C-alpha cells in the first residue's frame, strides 16, 4: 500500500478539491445540504488554501484536511481546529485520514499551537474511532445540536494536547 504524500494546498487545487468535497458529501458527516450547481469555490476568505493540507496517493488527489484557528481571538491563538476532513472513496483504508491528522498535528505545532480540536457528529462512529486512536478525547457533547434527515444528532467536541 503506497504511503500518502501530504502537502500544503495550492490555489490551483480549488477545482479538484471542490469535486472531491462534493463526491464525499454524506449525511454521516455533513450538516449542510448536498451541494448543487452553481458550486461555490472550495477556497474562500474563511477557508483559504493556506489552511488546507492535501493528501496524494500515487500522484492522485486522495483527501484533504482544513486546519484553521478555533476562533479569531488572540487569546485563543494557541488552539487550532480541524474544520474539515475528506478522503476519496477509492483511497479509503489506505491510511490517508490518519496521515492527514498526523500532518495537521505537526503543522499546528509548527504554528505554535498547544491544542488541536475538532467537531464530529455522534453517529459518525468510524470518524470518532479514528480520532480516538490518534489521541483525541471527547471534551463535550452538544445534545441534539442538529436535526438531520428527520433525526436529532449530537455534536461531539474532541481535542488533544500537542
N, C-alpha and C. Protein backbone atom coordinates (compact mmCIF):
# COMPACT_ATOMS: atom_id res chain seq x y z
N UNK A 1 0.85 -1.18 0.00
CA UNK A 1 0.00 0.00 0.00
C UNK A 1 0.90 1.24 0.00
N UNK A 2 0.73 2.14 -0.97
CA UNK A 2 1.57 3.33 -1.03
C UNK A 2 1.30 4.27 0.15
N UNK A 3 2.36 4.96 0.56
CA UNK A 3 2.25 5.94 1.65
C UNK A 3 1.68 7.24 1.09
N UNK A 4 0.67 7.79 1.76
CA UNK A 4 0.12 9.08 1.29
C UNK A 4 1.18 10.18 1.41
N UNK A 5 1.24 11.02 0.41
CA UNK A 5 2.11 12.19 0.43
C UNK A 5 1.23 13.38 0.84
N UNK A 6 1.62 14.08 1.90
CA UNK A 6 0.86 15.23 2.39
C UNK A 6 1.61 16.50 2.02
N UNK A 7 0.88 17.45 1.48
CA UNK A 7 1.47 18.74 1.10
C UNK A 7 0.50 19.86 1.37
N UNK A 8 1.00 21.10 1.44
CA UNK A 8 0.08 22.24 1.56
C UNK A 8 -0.74 22.38 0.27
N UNK A 9 -1.96 22.79 0.41
CA UNK A 9 -2.80 23.03 -0.77
C UNK A 9 -2.29 24.25 -1.52
N UNK A 10 -2.58 24.27 -2.80
CA UNK A 10 -2.24 25.41 -3.65
C UNK A 10 -3.54 25.95 -4.25
N UNK A 11 -3.58 27.24 -4.56
CA UNK A 11 -4.81 27.79 -5.16
C UNK A 11 -5.29 27.00 -6.38
N UNK A 12 -4.38 26.43 -7.14
CA UNK A 12 -4.74 25.65 -8.32
C UNK A 12 -5.45 24.35 -8.00
N UNK A 13 -5.48 23.95 -6.72
CA UNK A 13 -6.18 22.73 -6.30
C UNK A 13 -7.68 22.95 -6.15
N UNK A 14 -8.13 24.20 -6.27
CA UNK A 14 -9.52 24.55 -5.96
C UNK A 14 -10.54 23.65 -6.66
N UNK A 15 -10.45 23.49 -7.96
CA UNK A 15 -11.46 22.71 -8.69
C UNK A 15 -11.44 21.25 -8.26
N UNK A 16 -10.25 20.65 -8.18
CA UNK A 16 -10.14 19.24 -7.82
C UNK A 16 -10.65 19.01 -6.40
N UNK A 17 -10.34 19.91 -5.48
CA UNK A 17 -10.81 19.75 -4.10
C UNK A 17 -12.31 19.96 -4.01
N UNK A 18 -12.84 20.87 -4.79
CA UNK A 18 -14.28 21.06 -4.84
C UNK A 18 -14.99 19.80 -5.31
N UNK A 19 -14.44 19.16 -6.34
CA UNK A 19 -15.03 17.91 -6.85
C UNK A 19 -14.95 16.81 -5.79
N UNK A 20 -13.81 16.71 -5.12
CA UNK A 20 -13.66 15.71 -4.06
C UNK A 20 -14.64 15.98 -2.93
N UNK A 21 -14.77 17.22 -2.55
CA UNK A 21 -15.69 17.59 -1.46
C UNK A 21 -17.12 17.20 -1.81
N UNK A 22 -17.53 17.46 -3.04
CA UNK A 22 -18.90 17.10 -3.45
C UNK A 22 -19.06 15.58 -3.55
N UNK A 23 -18.03 14.89 -4.02
CA UNK A 23 -18.11 13.43 -4.17
C UNK A 23 -18.17 12.72 -2.82
N UNK A 24 -17.60 13.32 -1.80
CA UNK A 24 -17.56 12.67 -0.48
C UNK A 24 -18.67 13.16 0.44
N UNK A 25 -19.55 14.05 -0.05
CA UNK A 25 -20.65 14.54 0.79
C UNK A 25 -21.46 13.35 1.29
N UNK A 26 -21.80 13.38 2.57
CA UNK A 26 -22.59 12.30 3.16
C UNK A 26 -23.33 12.82 4.38
N UNK A 27 -24.55 12.31 4.62
CA UNK A 27 -25.27 12.72 5.84
C UNK A 27 -24.59 12.19 7.11
N UNK A 28 -23.61 11.33 6.95
CA UNK A 28 -22.86 10.84 8.11
C UNK A 28 -22.04 11.95 8.75
N UNK A 29 -21.61 12.93 7.94
CA UNK A 29 -20.77 13.99 8.48
C UNK A 29 -21.20 15.41 8.10
N UNK A 30 -22.08 15.55 7.15
CA UNK A 30 -22.43 16.89 6.66
C UNK A 30 -23.63 17.46 7.39
N UNK A 31 -23.55 18.73 7.74
CA UNK A 31 -24.69 19.41 8.34
C UNK A 31 -25.32 20.38 7.34
N UNK A 32 -24.65 20.59 6.23
CA UNK A 32 -25.18 21.43 5.16
C UNK A 32 -25.87 20.53 4.13
N UNK A 33 -26.85 21.06 3.41
CA UNK A 33 -27.48 20.26 2.35
C UNK A 33 -26.46 19.86 1.28
N UNK A 34 -26.78 18.82 0.52
CA UNK A 34 -25.90 18.39 -0.57
C UNK A 34 -25.68 19.58 -1.52
N UNK A 35 -24.44 19.86 -1.87
CA UNK A 35 -24.17 20.99 -2.78
C UNK A 35 -24.81 20.78 -4.15
N UNK A 36 -25.30 21.87 -4.70
CA UNK A 36 -25.89 21.85 -6.04
C UNK A 36 -25.32 23.00 -6.85
N UNK A 37 -25.29 22.85 -8.17
CA UNK A 37 -24.78 23.93 -9.01
C UNK A 37 -25.60 25.20 -8.85
N UNK A 38 -25.03 26.35 -9.04
CA UNK A 38 -23.60 26.56 -9.31
C UNK A 38 -22.80 26.36 -8.02
N UNK A 39 -21.66 25.70 -8.13
CA UNK A 39 -20.85 25.39 -6.97
C UNK A 39 -19.98 26.58 -6.57
N UNK A 40 -19.90 26.79 -5.28
CA UNK A 40 -19.02 27.85 -4.75
C UNK A 40 -17.58 27.36 -4.84
N UNK A 41 -16.62 28.28 -4.91
CA UNK A 41 -15.21 27.86 -4.88
C UNK A 41 -14.91 27.10 -3.59
N UNK A 42 -13.97 26.19 -3.66
CA UNK A 42 -13.57 25.43 -2.47
C UNK A 42 -12.85 26.35 -1.49
N UNK A 43 -11.96 27.18 -2.01
CA UNK A 43 -11.24 28.13 -1.17
C UNK A 43 -12.01 29.43 -1.09
N UNK A 44 -11.95 30.06 0.09
CA UNK A 44 -12.63 31.34 0.30
C UNK A 44 -11.84 32.13 1.32
N UNK A 45 -12.33 33.31 1.64
CA UNK A 45 -11.68 34.12 2.67
C UNK A 45 -11.69 33.38 4.01
N UNK A 46 -12.79 32.70 4.30
CA UNK A 46 -12.88 31.95 5.57
C UNK A 46 -12.06 30.67 5.53
N UNK A 47 -11.93 30.06 4.36
CA UNK A 47 -11.21 28.79 4.18
C UNK A 47 -10.16 28.93 3.08
N UNK A 48 -9.06 29.62 3.37
CA UNK A 48 -8.04 29.84 2.34
C UNK A 48 -7.19 28.59 2.07
N UNK A 49 -6.54 28.57 0.93
CA UNK A 49 -5.65 27.46 0.58
C UNK A 49 -4.56 27.28 1.62
N UNK A 50 -4.11 28.36 2.23
CA UNK A 50 -3.04 28.30 3.22
C UNK A 50 -3.42 27.49 4.46
N UNK A 51 -4.71 27.25 4.66
CA UNK A 51 -5.16 26.48 5.82
C UNK A 51 -5.67 25.10 5.42
N UNK A 52 -5.13 24.56 4.36
CA UNK A 52 -5.59 23.25 3.87
C UNK A 52 -4.38 22.38 3.55
N UNK A 53 -4.45 21.14 3.98
CA UNK A 53 -3.45 20.13 3.63
C UNK A 53 -4.09 19.17 2.64
N UNK A 54 -3.31 18.70 1.69
CA UNK A 54 -3.79 17.80 0.64
C UNK A 54 -3.01 16.49 0.73
N UNK A 55 -3.72 15.39 0.56
CA UNK A 55 -3.09 14.07 0.50
C UNK A 55 -3.13 13.56 -0.93
N UNK A 56 -2.01 13.01 -1.36
CA UNK A 56 -1.94 12.38 -2.68
C UNK A 56 -1.45 10.96 -2.50
N UNK A 57 -2.00 10.04 -3.28
CA UNK A 57 -1.56 8.65 -3.32
C UNK A 57 -1.24 8.34 -4.77
N UNK A 58 0.01 7.95 -5.02
CA UNK A 58 0.47 7.69 -6.39
C UNK A 58 0.19 8.88 -7.31
N UNK A 59 0.36 10.09 -6.79
CA UNK A 59 0.19 11.31 -7.57
C UNK A 59 -1.25 11.76 -7.75
N UNK A 60 -2.21 10.99 -7.25
CA UNK A 60 -3.62 11.36 -7.40
C UNK A 60 -4.16 11.96 -6.10
N UNK A 61 -5.00 12.95 -6.23
CA UNK A 61 -5.63 13.57 -5.07
C UNK A 61 -6.43 12.52 -4.31
N UNK A 62 -6.15 12.39 -3.00
CA UNK A 62 -6.81 11.34 -2.22
C UNK A 62 -7.59 11.90 -1.04
N UNK A 63 -7.32 13.14 -0.64
CA UNK A 63 -8.03 13.70 0.50
C UNK A 63 -7.53 15.08 0.85
N UNK A 64 -8.20 15.67 1.83
CA UNK A 64 -7.79 16.99 2.32
C UNK A 64 -8.18 17.13 3.78
N UNK A 65 -7.55 18.09 4.44
CA UNK A 65 -7.89 18.47 5.81
C UNK A 65 -7.78 19.98 5.90
N UNK A 66 -8.83 20.62 6.41
CA UNK A 66 -8.81 22.07 6.65
C UNK A 66 -8.38 22.28 8.10
N UNK A 67 -7.34 23.08 8.30
CA UNK A 67 -6.80 23.36 9.62
C UNK A 67 -6.79 24.86 9.84
N UNK A 68 -7.68 25.34 10.69
CA UNK A 68 -7.75 26.77 10.93
C UNK A 68 -7.67 27.09 12.40
N UNK A 69 -7.85 28.34 12.70
CA UNK A 69 -7.91 28.74 14.10
C UNK A 69 -9.30 28.38 14.63
N UNK A 70 -9.35 28.16 15.93
CA UNK A 70 -10.63 27.81 16.55
C UNK A 70 -11.56 29.03 16.59
N UNK A 71 -10.98 30.20 16.86
CA UNK A 71 -11.72 31.46 16.87
C UNK A 71 -10.79 32.55 16.36
N UNK A 72 -11.30 33.74 16.06
CA UNK A 72 -10.42 34.83 15.63
C UNK A 72 -9.75 35.58 16.80
N UNK A 73 -9.97 35.14 18.02
CA UNK A 73 -9.46 35.84 19.20
C UNK A 73 -7.98 35.54 19.43
N UNK A 74 -7.20 36.58 19.74
CA UNK A 74 -5.77 36.42 20.02
C UNK A 74 -5.54 35.51 21.23
N UNK A 75 -6.42 35.60 22.22
CA UNK A 75 -6.26 34.79 23.44
C UNK A 75 -6.52 33.31 23.19
N UNK A 76 -6.97 32.95 21.97
CA UNK A 76 -7.28 31.57 21.62
C UNK A 76 -6.37 31.08 20.49
N UNK A 77 -5.33 31.86 20.19
CA UNK A 77 -4.46 31.54 19.05
C UNK A 77 -3.64 30.27 19.26
N UNK A 78 -3.57 29.79 20.48
CA UNK A 78 -2.80 28.56 20.76
C UNK A 78 -3.60 27.29 20.43
N UNK A 79 -4.79 27.44 19.90
CA UNK A 79 -5.64 26.30 19.55
C UNK A 79 -5.89 26.32 18.04
N UNK A 80 -5.68 25.18 17.41
CA UNK A 80 -6.04 25.01 16.01
C UNK A 80 -7.19 24.02 15.95
N UNK A 81 -8.05 24.19 14.95
CA UNK A 81 -9.22 23.34 14.82
C UNK A 81 -9.26 22.71 13.44
N UNK A 82 -9.53 21.43 13.42
CA UNK A 82 -9.77 20.73 12.16
C UNK A 82 -11.20 21.07 11.75
N UNK A 83 -11.33 21.74 10.61
CA UNK A 83 -12.64 22.22 10.18
C UNK A 83 -13.14 21.50 8.94
N UNK A 84 -12.53 20.38 8.63
CA UNK A 84 -12.98 19.59 7.50
C UNK A 84 -11.95 18.52 7.19
N UNK A 85 -12.43 17.34 6.88
CA UNK A 85 -11.56 16.21 6.53
C UNK A 85 -12.36 15.32 5.58
N UNK A 86 -11.77 15.00 4.44
CA UNK A 86 -12.43 14.13 3.48
C UNK A 86 -11.40 13.27 2.79
N UNK A 87 -11.79 12.03 2.51
CA UNK A 87 -10.92 11.09 1.79
C UNK A 87 -11.74 10.50 0.65
N UNK A 88 -11.15 10.47 -0.54
CA UNK A 88 -11.81 9.90 -1.71
C UNK A 88 -12.17 8.44 -1.44
N UNK A 89 -13.31 8.03 -1.94
CA UNK A 89 -13.79 6.66 -1.73
C UNK A 89 -12.73 5.62 -2.08
N UNK A 90 -12.08 5.80 -3.22
CA UNK A 90 -11.11 4.81 -3.69
C UNK A 90 -9.82 4.81 -2.87
N UNK A 91 -9.62 5.80 -2.03
CA UNK A 91 -8.41 5.88 -1.21
C UNK A 91 -8.66 5.49 0.25
N UNK A 92 -9.89 5.16 0.58
CA UNK A 92 -10.19 4.80 1.97
C UNK A 92 -9.52 3.48 2.34
N UNK A 93 -9.14 3.40 3.61
CA UNK A 93 -8.47 2.20 4.10
C UNK A 93 -6.98 2.16 3.80
N UNK A 94 -6.44 3.25 3.27
CA UNK A 94 -5.02 3.31 2.91
C UNK A 94 -4.22 4.21 3.85
N UNK A 95 -4.83 4.65 4.95
CA UNK A 95 -4.10 5.48 5.91
C UNK A 95 -4.08 6.96 5.57
N UNK A 96 -4.92 7.38 4.63
CA UNK A 96 -4.92 8.78 4.20
C UNK A 96 -5.40 9.70 5.31
N UNK A 97 -6.54 9.38 5.93
CA UNK A 97 -7.06 10.24 7.01
C UNK A 97 -6.08 10.30 8.18
N UNK A 98 -5.50 9.18 8.53
CA UNK A 98 -4.53 9.14 9.63
C UNK A 98 -3.31 10.00 9.30
N UNK A 99 -2.82 9.90 8.08
CA UNK A 99 -1.67 10.71 7.66
C UNK A 99 -2.01 12.20 7.70
N UNK A 100 -3.22 12.55 7.27
CA UNK A 100 -3.64 13.95 7.32
C UNK A 100 -3.74 14.44 8.77
N UNK A 101 -4.29 13.63 9.66
CA UNK A 101 -4.39 14.01 11.07
C UNK A 101 -3.01 14.24 11.69
N UNK A 102 -2.09 13.35 11.38
CA UNK A 102 -0.73 13.49 11.93
C UNK A 102 -0.04 14.72 11.36
N UNK A 103 -0.21 14.96 10.08
CA UNK A 103 0.37 16.16 9.47
C UNK A 103 -0.25 17.43 10.05
N UNK A 104 -1.55 17.38 10.36
CA UNK A 104 -2.21 18.53 10.97
C UNK A 104 -1.62 18.82 12.34
N UNK A 105 -1.34 17.77 13.11
CA UNK A 105 -0.72 17.96 14.41
C UNK A 105 0.65 18.61 14.28
N UNK A 106 1.44 18.14 13.32
CA UNK A 106 2.76 18.73 13.09
C UNK A 106 2.65 20.19 12.66
N UNK A 107 1.74 20.46 11.75
CA UNK A 107 1.55 21.84 11.27
C UNK A 107 1.06 22.75 12.39
N UNK A 108 0.13 22.26 13.20
CA UNK A 108 -0.38 23.05 14.32
C UNK A 108 0.76 23.38 15.30
N UNK A 109 1.60 22.40 15.59
CA UNK A 109 2.75 22.66 16.47
C UNK A 109 3.68 23.69 15.84
N UNK A 110 3.93 23.55 14.55
CA UNK A 110 4.81 24.49 13.85
C UNK A 110 4.28 25.92 13.96
N UNK A 111 2.95 26.04 13.97
CA UNK A 111 2.31 27.35 14.07
C UNK A 111 2.20 27.84 15.52
N UNK A 112 2.72 27.07 16.46
CA UNK A 112 2.72 27.49 17.86
C UNK A 112 1.53 27.03 18.67
N UNK A 113 0.73 26.13 18.12
CA UNK A 113 -0.46 25.66 18.85
C UNK A 113 -0.06 24.68 19.95
N UNK A 114 -0.87 24.69 21.00
CA UNK A 114 -0.72 23.73 22.10
C UNK A 114 -1.81 22.67 22.07
N UNK A 115 -2.92 22.99 21.38
CA UNK A 115 -4.05 22.06 21.32
C UNK A 115 -4.60 21.98 19.91
N UNK A 116 -5.21 20.84 19.63
CA UNK A 116 -5.87 20.62 18.36
C UNK A 116 -7.27 20.08 18.68
N UNK A 117 -8.30 20.68 18.06
CA UNK A 117 -9.68 20.31 18.36
C UNK A 117 -10.42 20.00 17.06
N UNK A 118 -11.61 19.43 17.23
CA UNK A 118 -12.49 19.16 16.09
C UNK A 118 -13.89 18.90 16.61
N UNK A 119 -14.83 18.91 15.69
CA UNK A 119 -16.22 18.55 15.99
C UNK A 119 -16.60 17.42 15.05
N UNK A 120 -17.38 16.47 15.57
CA UNK A 120 -17.79 15.32 14.78
C UNK A 120 -19.21 14.95 15.20
N UNK A 121 -20.02 14.54 14.24
CA UNK A 121 -21.38 14.12 14.56
C UNK A 121 -21.33 12.80 15.32
N UNK A 122 -22.18 12.67 16.33
CA UNK A 122 -22.16 11.50 17.20
C UNK A 122 -22.38 10.20 16.44
N UNK A 123 -23.17 10.24 15.38
CA UNK A 123 -23.46 8.99 14.64
C UNK A 123 -22.33 8.58 13.68
N UNK A 124 -21.27 9.38 13.60
CA UNK A 124 -20.15 9.06 12.72
C UNK A 124 -19.12 8.22 13.48
N UNK A 125 -19.50 6.98 13.77
CA UNK A 125 -18.65 6.09 14.57
C UNK A 125 -17.28 5.84 13.95
N UNK A 126 -17.15 5.65 12.62
CA UNK A 126 -15.81 5.43 12.07
C UNK A 126 -14.87 6.61 12.32
N UNK A 127 -15.36 7.83 12.14
CA UNK A 127 -14.51 9.00 12.37
C UNK A 127 -14.16 9.14 13.84
N UNK A 128 -15.13 8.93 14.71
CA UNK A 128 -14.86 9.03 16.15
C UNK A 128 -13.81 8.02 16.58
N UNK A 129 -13.87 6.81 16.06
CA UNK A 129 -12.89 5.79 16.41
C UNK A 129 -11.49 6.18 15.91
N UNK A 130 -11.43 6.71 14.70
CA UNK A 130 -10.14 7.17 14.16
C UNK A 130 -9.56 8.27 15.04
N UNK A 131 -10.37 9.27 15.36
CA UNK A 131 -9.88 10.38 16.18
C UNK A 131 -9.41 9.89 17.54
N UNK A 132 -10.16 9.00 18.15
CA UNK A 132 -9.75 8.46 19.46
C UNK A 132 -8.43 7.71 19.34
N UNK A 133 -8.24 6.97 18.26
CA UNK A 133 -6.99 6.22 18.07
C UNK A 133 -5.80 7.15 17.87
N UNK A 134 -6.06 8.39 17.49
CA UNK A 134 -4.99 9.38 17.30
C UNK A 134 -4.87 10.31 18.51
N UNK A 135 -5.48 9.94 19.62
CA UNK A 135 -5.28 10.68 20.87
C UNK A 135 -6.31 11.74 21.19
N UNK A 136 -7.34 11.88 20.35
CA UNK A 136 -8.40 12.85 20.63
C UNK A 136 -9.35 12.25 21.67
N UNK A 137 -9.78 13.09 22.60
CA UNK A 137 -10.74 12.66 23.63
C UNK A 137 -11.99 13.53 23.54
N UNK A 138 -13.11 12.95 23.90
CA UNK A 138 -14.36 13.72 23.94
C UNK A 138 -14.24 14.74 25.06
N UNK A 139 -14.47 16.00 24.72
CA UNK A 139 -14.39 17.08 25.70
C UNK A 139 -15.74 17.73 25.95
N UNK A 140 -16.71 17.38 25.14
CA UNK A 140 -18.04 17.91 25.34
C UNK A 140 -19.00 17.39 24.29
N UNK A 141 -20.26 17.39 24.64
CA UNK A 141 -21.30 16.95 23.72
C UNK A 141 -22.42 17.98 23.75
N UNK A 142 -22.84 18.39 22.58
CA UNK A 142 -23.99 19.28 22.43
C UNK A 142 -25.16 18.39 22.01
N UNK A 143 -26.02 18.04 22.96
CA UNK A 143 -27.12 17.11 22.66
C UNK A 143 -28.09 17.68 21.62
N UNK A 144 -28.45 16.83 20.67
CA UNK A 144 -29.44 17.17 19.64
C UNK A 144 -29.16 18.52 18.98
N UNK A 145 -27.90 18.81 18.74
CA UNK A 145 -27.48 20.09 18.16
C UNK A 145 -27.98 20.27 16.73
N UNK A 146 -28.11 19.16 16.01
CA UNK A 146 -28.54 19.24 14.61
C UNK A 146 -29.76 18.36 14.38
N UNK A 147 -30.62 18.80 13.47
CA UNK A 147 -31.76 18.00 13.02
C UNK A 147 -31.47 17.63 11.58
N UNK A 148 -31.06 16.38 11.36
CA UNK A 148 -30.60 15.94 10.05
C UNK A 148 -31.43 14.77 9.56
N UNK A 149 -32.01 14.92 8.41
CA UNK A 149 -32.74 13.82 7.79
C UNK A 149 -33.79 13.22 8.74
N UNK A 150 -34.48 14.11 9.47
CA UNK A 150 -35.56 13.68 10.35
C UNK A 150 -35.14 13.18 11.72
N UNK A 151 -33.85 13.33 12.06
CA UNK A 151 -33.34 12.82 13.33
C UNK A 151 -32.49 13.88 14.02
N UNK A 152 -32.62 13.98 15.34
CA UNK A 152 -31.75 14.86 16.11
C UNK A 152 -30.41 14.15 16.31
N UNK A 153 -29.33 14.89 16.10
CA UNK A 153 -27.98 14.32 16.18
C UNK A 153 -27.13 15.17 17.11
N UNK A 154 -26.40 14.50 18.01
CA UNK A 154 -25.48 15.20 18.91
C UNK A 154 -24.24 15.63 18.16
N UNK A 155 -23.67 16.76 18.58
CA UNK A 155 -22.40 17.26 18.07
C UNK A 155 -21.36 16.98 19.15
N UNK A 156 -20.30 16.28 18.80
CA UNK A 156 -19.28 15.87 19.76
C UNK A 156 -18.03 16.72 19.54
N UNK A 157 -17.58 17.36 20.61
CA UNK A 157 -16.36 18.16 20.57
C UNK A 157 -15.22 17.30 21.09
N UNK A 158 -14.14 17.18 20.30
CA UNK A 158 -12.99 16.37 20.70
C UNK A 158 -11.74 17.22 20.63
N UNK A 159 -10.75 16.90 21.43
CA UNK A 159 -9.50 17.64 21.39
C UNK A 159 -8.36 16.83 21.95
N UNK A 160 -7.17 17.37 21.72
CA UNK A 160 -5.96 16.75 22.27
C UNK A 160 -4.89 17.80 22.42
N UNK A 161 -4.00 17.57 23.36
CA UNK A 161 -2.84 18.43 23.51
C UNK A 161 -1.78 17.97 22.52
N UNK A 162 -0.97 18.91 22.07
CA UNK A 162 0.08 18.59 21.08
C UNK A 162 1.42 18.35 21.75
